[in-house]
């Protein structure tokens, strides 16, 4: 989760796509070059330990676009395949991102 947030901050599309589960991965990912990421707060985790093959992370990521603050509050599902974690999907809390 933290590595994907860092990839969003740095604009590393290829890393984001390569860590996305094949069945839910978009063909392309467009990142807003004007979006400035301000911080990540992990609210809760479920499973995702050394012996687990699935896990969930609830987080809030804050950003600013054109001077307006935004919050992304999501509960993400991850799956481990051959020792590597992949983002599967997520549900948004509150207002979905624009």
Protein backbone atom coordinates (compact mmCIF):
# COMPACT_ATOMS: atom_id res chain seq x y z
CA UNK A 1 0.00 0.00 0.00
CA UNK A 2 2.68 2.49 0.96
CA UNK A 3 4.73 1.70 -2.14
CA UNK A 4 1.69 2.37 -4.34
CA UNK A 5 1.06 5.69 -2.59
CA UNK A 6 4.71 6.62 -3.19
CA UNK A 7 4.29 5.67 -6.85
CA UNK A 8 1.31 8.03 -7.12
CA UNK A 9 3.37 10.80 -5.50
CA UNK A 10 6.26 10.24 -7.93
CA UNK A 11 4.08 9.60 -10.98
CA UNK A 12 5.31 6.05 -11.61
CA UNK A 13 2.45 4.71 -13.77
CA UNK A 14 4.28 1.54 -14.80
CA UNK A 15 4.82 0.50 -11.18
CA UNK A 16 1.17 1.15 -10.36
CA UNK A 17 0.01 -0.94 -13.31
CA UNK A 18 2.48 -3.74 -12.53
CA UNK A 19 1.18 -4.00 -8.94
CA UNK A 20 -2.48 -4.08 -10.01
CA UNK A 21 -4.26 -7.46 -10.23
CA UNK A 22 -4.60 -8.50 -13.86
CA UNK A 23 -8.38 -8.95 -13.73
CA UNK A 24 -9.04 -5.40 -12.50
CA UNK A 25 -6.07 -3.54 -14.03
CA UNK A 26 -7.00 -0.73 -16.43
CA UNK A 27 -5.35 -0.73 -19.86
CA UNK A 28 -3.95 2.73 -19.18
CA UNK A 29 -3.60 4.97 -16.17
CA UNK A 30 -3.70 8.74 -16.50
CA UNK A 31 -2.23 10.69 -13.59
CA UNK A 32 -2.96 14.38 -13.07
CA UNK A 33 0.41 16.19 -13.21
CA UNK A 34 -1.14 19.06 -11.24
CA UNK A 35 -2.11 16.85 -8.31
CA UNK A 36 0.15 17.36 -5.30
CA UNK A 37 -0.03 14.53 -2.76
CA UNK A 38 0.13 15.74 0.85
CA UNK A 39 0.00 12.62 3.00
CA UNK A 40 -1.19 9.11 3.68
CA UNK A 41 -2.87 7.90 6.85
CA UNK A 42 -3.48 4.17 7.37
CA UNK A 43 -6.71 3.82 9.34
CA UNK A 44 -7.00 0.03 9.62
CA UNK A 45 -5.65 -3.23 8.26
CA UNK A 46 -7.12 -6.70 8.09
CA UNK A 47 -5.02 -9.79 7.37
CA UNK A 48 -2.11 -9.18 5.00
CA UNK A 49 0.42 -10.76 7.33
CA UNK A 50 3.27 -13.13 6.60
CA UNK A 51 0.99 -16.19 6.46
CA UNK A 52 -1.84 -14.49 4.52
CA UNK A 53 -2.58 -14.41 0.80
CA UNK A 54 -5.17 -11.62 1.06
CA UNK A 55 -5.36 -8.39 2.99
CA UNK A 56 -7.27 -5.14 3.30
CA UNK A 57 -6.10 -1.63 4.06
CA UNK A 58 -8.30 1.32 4.95
CA UNK A 59 -6.56 4.61 4.28
CA UNK A 60 -7.01 8.32 3.72
CA UNK A 61 -4.77 10.02 1.14
CA UNK A 62 -4.79 13.81 0.98
CA UNK A 63 -3.94 15.85 -2.08
CA UNK A 64 -4.36 19.27 -3.64
CA UNK A 65 -5.46 20.01 -7.21
CA UNK A 66 -5.68 23.58 -8.49
CA UNK A 67 -5.56 24.87 -4.92
CA UNK A 68 -8.42 22.69 -3.71
CA UNK A 69 -7.87 20.07 -1.03
CA UNK A 70 -9.08 16.53 -1.67
CA UNK A 71 -9.39 13.40 0.46
CA UNK A 72 -9.44 9.87 -0.88
CA UNK A 73 -10.85 7.51 1.78
CA UNK A 74 -10.71 3.94 0.52
CA UNK A 75 -10.74 0.37 1.78
CA UNK A 76 -8.46 -1.53 -0.62
CA UNK A 77 -8.23 -5.27 -1.17
CA UNK A 78 -4.88 -6.88 -1.95
CA UNK A 79 -3.87 -10.41 -2.94
CA UNK A 80 -0.44 -12.06 -2.73
CA UNK A 81 0.67 -14.12 -5.72
CA UNK A 82 4.06 -15.87 -5.65
CA UNK A 83 5.15 -13.69 -2.74
CA UNK A 84 4.16 -10.38 -4.38
CA UNK A 85 1.21 -8.18 -3.36
CA UNK A 86 -1.27 -6.89 -5.96
CA UNK A 87 -4.00 -4.28 -5.60
CA UNK A 88 -7.35 -5.89 -6.49
CA UNK A 89 -9.93 -3.16 -5.92
CA UNK A 90 -11.33 -0.78 -3.36
CA UNK A 91 -14.48 0.80 -2.03
CA UNK A 92 -14.71 4.49 -1.29
CA UNK A 93 -16.01 6.00 1.92
CA UNK A 94 -17.92 9.22 1.53
CA UNK A 95 -17.78 11.08 -1.75
CA UNK A 96 -15.89 9.21 -4.49
CA UNK A 97 -12.93 11.00 -6.05
CA UNK A 98 -13.60 13.16 -9.08
